[in-house]
Protein backbone atom coordinates (compact mmCIF):
# COMPACT_ATOMS: atom_id res chain seq x y z
CA MET A 1 0.00 0.00 0.00
CA ARG A 2 2.11 2.81 -1.21
CA ARG A 3 1.13 6.13 -2.59
CA PHE A 4 -0.19 5.43 -5.91
CA CYS A 5 -0.39 5.42 -9.50
CA ARG A 6 -3.35 6.80 -11.27
CA LEU A 7 -5.50 3.67 -11.68
CA GLY A 8 -3.77 0.65 -10.28
CA LEU A 9 -3.86 -1.12 -7.03
CA THR A 10 -5.51 0.51 -4.13
CA GLY A 11 -3.05 -0.53 -1.63
CA ILE A 12 -0.08 -0.14 -3.81
CA ILE A 13 -1.61 3.12 -4.92
CA PHE A 14 -3.39 4.60 -2.02
CA VAL A 15 -3.93 8.15 -3.12
CA THR A 16 -4.93 9.19 -6.60
CA LEU A 17 -5.16 12.95 -6.93
CA LEU A 18 -7.31 14.44 -9.64
CA GLY A 19 -8.91 17.82 -9.91
CA GLY A 20 -10.62 20.99 -11.03
CA ALA A 21 -13.38 23.27 -9.86
CA GLY A 22 -16.93 22.10 -10.20
CA ALA A 23 -20.43 22.15 -8.81
CA SER A 24 -21.25 23.94 -5.60
CA PRO A 25 -22.05 22.16 -2.34
CA PRO A 26 -25.73 21.35 -1.75
CA PRO A 27 -27.87 23.54 0.50
CA GLY A 28 -26.56 23.09 4.02
CA GLY A 29 -23.35 21.53 2.71
CA PHE A 30 -20.97 19.64 4.98
CA THR A 31 -19.02 20.16 8.15
CA TYR A 32 -15.37 19.18 7.65
CA THR A 33 -12.87 17.77 10.12
CA SER A 34 -9.19 17.26 9.27
CA ILE A 35 -7.73 13.87 10.17
CA ASP A 36 -4.00 13.70 10.96
CA TYR A 37 -2.47 10.71 12.66
CA PRO A 38 -0.60 12.09 15.71
CA GLY A 39 2.97 12.97 14.80
CA ALA A 40 2.61 11.96 11.15
CA THR A 41 3.46 14.22 8.23
CA TRP A 42 1.24 12.34 5.76
CA THR A 43 -2.25 10.93 6.42
CA VAL A 44 -5.05 9.69 4.17
CA ALA A 45 -8.52 8.48 5.23
CA LEU A 46 -9.69 5.60 3.05
CA GLY A 47 -12.82 4.05 4.56
CA ILE A 48 -15.65 4.75 7.00
CA ASN A 49 -18.31 2.47 8.51
CA GLU A 50 -21.80 3.09 9.90
CA ARG A 51 -20.41 3.82 13.37
CA GLY A 52 -18.24 6.60 12.01
CA THR A 53 -15.02 4.63 12.50
CA ILE A 54 -12.41 5.64 9.91
CA VAL A 55 -9.44 3.67 8.62
CA GLY A 56 -6.56 4.77 6.45
CA GLN A 57 -2.83 5.11 6.02
CA TYR A 58 -0.11 7.34 7.43
CA PHE A 59 3.64 7.68 7.09
CA ASP A 60 5.59 6.84 10.24
CA THR A 61 8.62 9.15 10.18
CA ILE A 62 10.43 7.18 12.90
CA GLU A 63 10.03 3.80 11.19
CA GLY A 64 10.32 5.37 7.73
CA ARG A 65 7.35 3.42 6.39
CA TYR A 66 3.61 3.48 5.74
CA CYS A 67 1.25 2.02 8.36
CA GLY A 68 -2.47 1.52 8.79
CA PHE A 69 -4.56 3.39 11.35
CA LEU A 70 -8.02 3.36 12.87
CA ARG A 71 -9.83 6.44 14.21
CA THR A 72 -12.91 6.03 16.39
CA ARG A 73 -15.93 8.30 16.20
CA GLU A 74 -14.66 9.98 19.38
CA GLY A 75 -11.37 10.84 17.67
CA ASN A 76 -9.12 8.21 19.30
CA TYR A 77 -6.39 6.72 17.11
CA SER A 78 -4.73 3.32 17.01
CA SER A 79 -1.92 2.19 14.70
CA ALA A 80 -1.09 -1.06 12.91
CA CYS A 81 2.32 -1.46 11.28
CA THR A 82 2.54 -5.20 11.87
CA ALA A 83 0.24 -8.02 12.96
CA ASP A 84 1.46 -11.53 13.77
CA GLY A 85 4.82 -10.51 12.34
CA ILE A 86 3.28 -9.45 9.01
CA SER A 87 3.70 -5.89 7.75
CA ILE A 88 0.56 -3.76 7.51
CA ASP A 89 0.93 -0.89 5.05
CA GLY A 90 -2.53 0.64 5.23
CA ALA A 91 -6.21 -0.02 5.94
CA ALA A 92 -8.51 0.43 2.95
CA GLY A 93 -11.99 -0.26 4.34
CA ILE A 94 -13.95 -1.24 7.43
CA ASN A 95 -17.49 -2.57 7.91
CA ALA A 96 -19.87 -2.28 10.86
CA ARG A 97 -18.67 -5.63 12.28
CA GLY A 98 -15.16 -4.23 12.46
CA ASP A 99 -13.72 -6.35 9.64
CA ILE A 100 -10.88 -4.42 7.98
CA ALA A 101 -9.36 -4.89 4.52
CA VAL A 102 -5.64 -4.10 4.72
CA GLY A 103 -2.57 -4.13 2.53
CA CYS A 104 -0.03 -6.59 3.87
CA TYR A 105 3.28 -8.31 3.14
CA ALA A 106 5.04 -5.02 2.27
CA GLY A 107 2.16 -3.82 0.12
CA THR A 108 2.10 -6.79 -2.24
CA SER A 109 -1.00 -8.58 -0.90
CA THR A 110 -4.47 -8.10 0.53
CA CYS A 111 -5.40 -9.35 3.99
CA LEU A 112 -8.61 -9.45 6.01
CA PHE A 113 -8.36 -8.53 9.68
CA ARG A 114 -11.29 -10.13 11.52
CA ASP A 115 -11.70 -10.88 15.24
CA GLY A 116 -8.01 -10.28 15.85
CA VAL A 117 -6.90 -12.70 13.12
CA LEU A 118 -5.09 -11.61 9.95
CA THR A 119 -5.85 -13.75 6.88
CA ARG A 120 -4.14 -13.38 3.52
CA LEU A 121 -6.63 -13.38 0.63
CA ASP A 122 -5.81 -15.51 -2.38
CA ILE A 123 -6.57 -13.64 -5.61
CA GLN A 124 -6.34 -16.05 -8.52
CA GLY A 125 -3.92 -15.01 -11.27
CA ALA A 126 -2.45 -12.11 -9.28
CA TRP A 127 1.22 -11.24 -9.04
CA THR A 128 0.50 -8.43 -6.57
CA THR A 129 -2.78 -7.12 -5.13
CA GLY A 130 -4.22 -4.22 -3.17
CA PRO A 131 -7.53 -3.79 -1.30
CA ALA A 132 -9.98 -0.94 -1.81
CA GLY A 133 -13.28 -1.68 -0.06
CA ILE A 134 -15.28 -4.10 2.07
CA ASN A 135 -19.02 -4.50 2.63
CA GLN A 136 -21.14 -5.74 5.53
CA GLN A 137 -20.85 -9.38 4.44
CA GLY A 138 -17.04 -9.19 4.39
CA ASP A 139 -16.74 -9.18 0.60
CA VAL A 140 -13.56 -7.37 -0.48
CA VAL A 141 -12.83 -5.54 -3.72
CA GLY A 142 -9.62 -4.08 -5.08
CA GLY A 143 -7.11 -4.36 -7.89
CA TYR A 144 -4.34 -6.68 -8.95
CA ILE A 145 -1.52 -6.91 -11.46
CA ASP A 146 -1.01 -10.19 -13.27
CA ALA A 147 2.22 -11.74 -14.53
CA SER A 148 1.92 -9.75 -17.79
CA TRP A 149 1.62 -6.45 -15.89
CA GLN A 150 -2.04 -6.05 -16.78
CA TYR A 151 -4.34 -4.31 -14.29
CA HIS A 152 -7.61 -5.96 -13.21
CA GLY A 153 -10.26 -5.47 -10.57
CA TYR A 154 -11.28 -8.29 -8.27
CA LEU A 155 -14.05 -9.39 -5.94
CA TRP A 156 -13.15 -11.75 -3.09
CA ARG A 157 -16.16 -13.51 -1.53
CA ASP A 158 -16.15 -16.50 0.81
CA GLY A 159 -12.66 -17.55 -0.20
CA VAL A 160 -13.26 -17.30 -3.95
CA SER A 161 -11.93 -14.49 -6.15
CA THR A 162 -13.54 -13.20 -9.34
CA THR A 163 -11.76 -10.97 -11.85
CA ILE A 164 -13.50 -7.74 -12.87
CA ASP A 165 -12.63 -6.30 -16.29
CA HIS A 166 -14.63 -3.55 -17.94
CA PRO A 167 -15.42 -4.70 -21.51
CA ASP A 168 -14.22 -1.38 -22.99
CA GLY A 169 -11.11 -0.96 -20.85
CA ASN A 170 -7.49 -1.96 -20.96
CA ALA A 171 -7.10 -1.56 -17.17
CA THR A 172 -9.75 -1.90 -14.46
CA SER A 173 -9.81 -1.37 -10.70
CA ALA A 174 -12.73 -2.13 -8.34
CA ARG A 175 -12.88 0.47 -5.56
CA GLY A 176 -16.06 0.08 -3.50
CA ILE A 177 -18.81 -2.45 -2.75
CA ASN A 178 -22.04 -2.11 -0.78
CA ALA A 179 -24.19 -4.68 1.00
CA ARG A 180 -26.29 -5.23 -2.16
CA GLY A 181 -23.15 -6.25 -4.01
CA ASP A 182 -23.05 -3.14 -6.23
CA ILE A 183 -19.43 -2.42 -7.16
CA VAL A 184 -17.99 0.91 -8.23
CA GLY A 185 -14.61 1.48 -9.81
CA THR A 186 -12.57 2.98 -12.59
CA TYR A 187 -11.27 1.79 -15.93
CA ASN A 188 -8.87 3.16 -18.53
CA ARG A 189 -9.06 2.90 -22.26
CA TRP A 190 -6.44 3.88 -24.79
CA SER A 191 -8.37 6.79 -26.29
CA GLN A 192 -9.33 8.62 -23.08
CA GLY A 193 -8.64 9.00 -19.40
CA PRO A 194 -10.09 7.10 -16.42
CA THR A 195 -13.89 6.67 -16.38
CA GLY A 196 -16.06 5.75 -13.41
CA PHE A 197 -18.39 2.76 -13.49
CA LEU A 198 -21.11 1.05 -11.51
CA LEU A 199 -21.35 -2.73 -11.79
CA ARG A 200 -24.79 -4.01 -10.79
CA ASP A 201 -26.21 -7.46 -11.55
CA GLY A 202 -23.45 -8.06 -14.09
CA GLN A 203 -24.12 -4.84 -16.02
CA PHE A 204 -21.65 -1.94 -16.28
CA THR A 205 -22.90 1.65 -16.27
CA ASP A 206 -20.32 4.38 -16.98
CA PHE A 207 -20.40 7.95 -15.69
CA VAL A 208 -18.20 11.05 -15.91
CA PHE A 209 -18.24 14.41 -14.16
CA PRO A 210 -19.51 17.00 -16.69
CA ASN A 211 -16.70 18.26 -18.94
CA ALA A 212 -14.03 16.43 -16.93
CA VAL A 213 -11.20 14.67 -18.78
CA ALA A 214 -11.09 11.90 -16.14
CA THR A 215 -13.43 10.65 -13.41
CA GLU A 216 -12.76 8.04 -10.70
CA ALA A 217 -15.40 6.24 -8.62
CA LEU A 218 -13.89 5.27 -5.26
CA GLY A 219 -16.67 4.33 -2.84
CA ASN A 220 -20.42 3.75 -2.49
CA ASN A 221 -23.14 3.06 0.06
CA GLU A 222 -26.45 1.18 0.20
CA ARG A 223 -28.42 4.29 -0.83
CA GLY A 224 -26.59 4.32 -4.15
CA ASP A 225 -24.45 7.37 -3.37
CA ILE A 226 -21.02 7.27 -5.04
CA VAL A 227 -17.90 9.26 -4.15
CA GLY A 228 -14.69 9.85 -6.03
CA ASP A 229 -12.74 12.56 -7.82
CA TYR A 230 -12.37 14.22 -11.21
CA THR A 231 -9.98 16.44 -13.16
CA PHE A 232 -10.26 19.07 -15.86
CA ASP A 233 -6.51 19.44 -16.42
CA TRP A 234 -4.96 15.96 -16.26
CA TRP A 235 -4.06 15.90 -12.58
CA ASN A 236 -2.53 19.34 -12.13
CA THR A 237 -5.51 19.77 -9.81
CA ALA A 238 -8.11 17.37 -8.40
CA GLN A 239 -11.55 17.65 -6.82
CA ALA A 240 -13.63 15.30 -4.69
CA PHE A 241 -17.28 14.68 -5.49
CA VAL A 242 -20.38 12.85 -4.31
CA LEU A 243 -22.89 11.56 -6.88
CA ARG A 244 -26.40 11.28 -5.47
CA ASN A 245 -29.61 10.66 -7.42
CA GLY A 246 -27.79 11.43 -10.67
CA GLU A 247 -26.47 14.80 -9.46
CA PHE A 248 -22.80 15.58 -8.85
CA THR A 249 -21.74 17.74 -5.90
CA THR A 250 -18.17 18.97 -5.47
CA LEU A 251 -16.84 18.92 -1.90
CA ASP A 252 -15.63 22.29 -0.65
CA LEU A 253 -12.16 21.39 0.63
CA PRO A 254 -8.94 23.46 0.69
CA GLY A 255 -5.97 22.85 -1.56
CA PRO A 256 -5.56 21.82 -5.20
CA TYR A 257 -5.91 18.05 -4.66
CA THR A 258 -8.88 16.41 -2.96
CA GLU A 259 -10.30 12.91 -3.11
CA ALA A 260 -13.40 11.28 -1.54
CA ARG A 261 -12.73 7.62 -0.74
CA GLY A 262 -15.58 6.23 1.34
CA ILE A 263 -19.19 7.02 2.27
CA ASN A 264 -21.52 5.40 4.79
CA ASN A 265 -25.32 5.23 4.79
CA ARG A 266 -25.51 8.38 6.91
CA GLY A 267 -23.81 10.28 4.12
CA GLN A 268 -20.58 10.78 6.05
CA ILE A 269 -17.57 10.88 3.73
CA ALA A 270 -13.91 10.03 4.37
CA GLY A 271 -11.14 11.13 2.06
CA THR A 272 -7.96 13.13 1.64
CA TYR A 273 -6.79 16.58 0.66
CA ARG A 274 -3.45 18.29 0.18
CA ASP A 275 -2.53 21.86 1.16
CA GLU A 276 0.67 23.81 1.81
CA HIS A 277 1.14 21.90 5.08
CA GLY A 278 1.04 18.42 3.59
CA GLN A 279 -1.37 15.50 3.06
CA HIS A 280 -4.37 15.13 5.39
CA GLY A 281 -7.40 12.95 5.77
CA PHE A 282 -10.85 14.45 6.21
CA LEU A 283 -14.31 13.61 7.51
CA ALA A 284 -17.25 15.39 5.85
CA VAL A 285 -20.55 15.27 7.77
CA PRO A 286 -23.80 16.53 6.17
CA ARG A 287 -25.26 19.50 8.00
């Protein structure tokens, strides 16, 4: 789970930064809280559950490495750099039961942390994998690279992995899954930049932020809300969005690079932004 490459593995690529200015916040908007792991110079929030617990990744300046963290609704932090002697490089998603999808084995694999036990997930055909999201049933989605260096999305369910490839794309990554099994993600194609998709009942539906050159879908909830980011200028700037009932709303965050990564059924959003002081996580709560 390192910092990331535009589309690839969420875990090897934990922070895509896209951008531009866009739609205004809805009436009432959001209340924003910055999330910075104590003492860290770099923090990103990657997932949020119904209890308001947030998980993510930070850079430990003493150890000189990336680690996972958990933040409770009350604002208390706990860190995970290793578990059972296995390296933990970041936490990508958490469900209401407390199951956490993490990057492990120096960022080359996906693990499930459940009831104090860390289990490595076997993704068929993968050379290296990264997690992105987890739903209430414990299904995990993410991305992997195969032996030919091709990018694919995956769904891991009950010990069985399924590859996800958009029919029009040359690289696909699955980023979020809700309790209904709806999956959101992003795919690339040779002729244009990243495009967001919703995969429901085996059918892909694409969507893009109006006039954007690239759009990424990074999380979803049971209500059908989708979060992500978009750019008008090929990643010189980036802007977080929420898509609700077919309408895009840009989140009003500081700095040129913002990204919404997770959303729960209460509409609370976790993500990341960058300003002159560094990389931070955020929590956005509807007013």
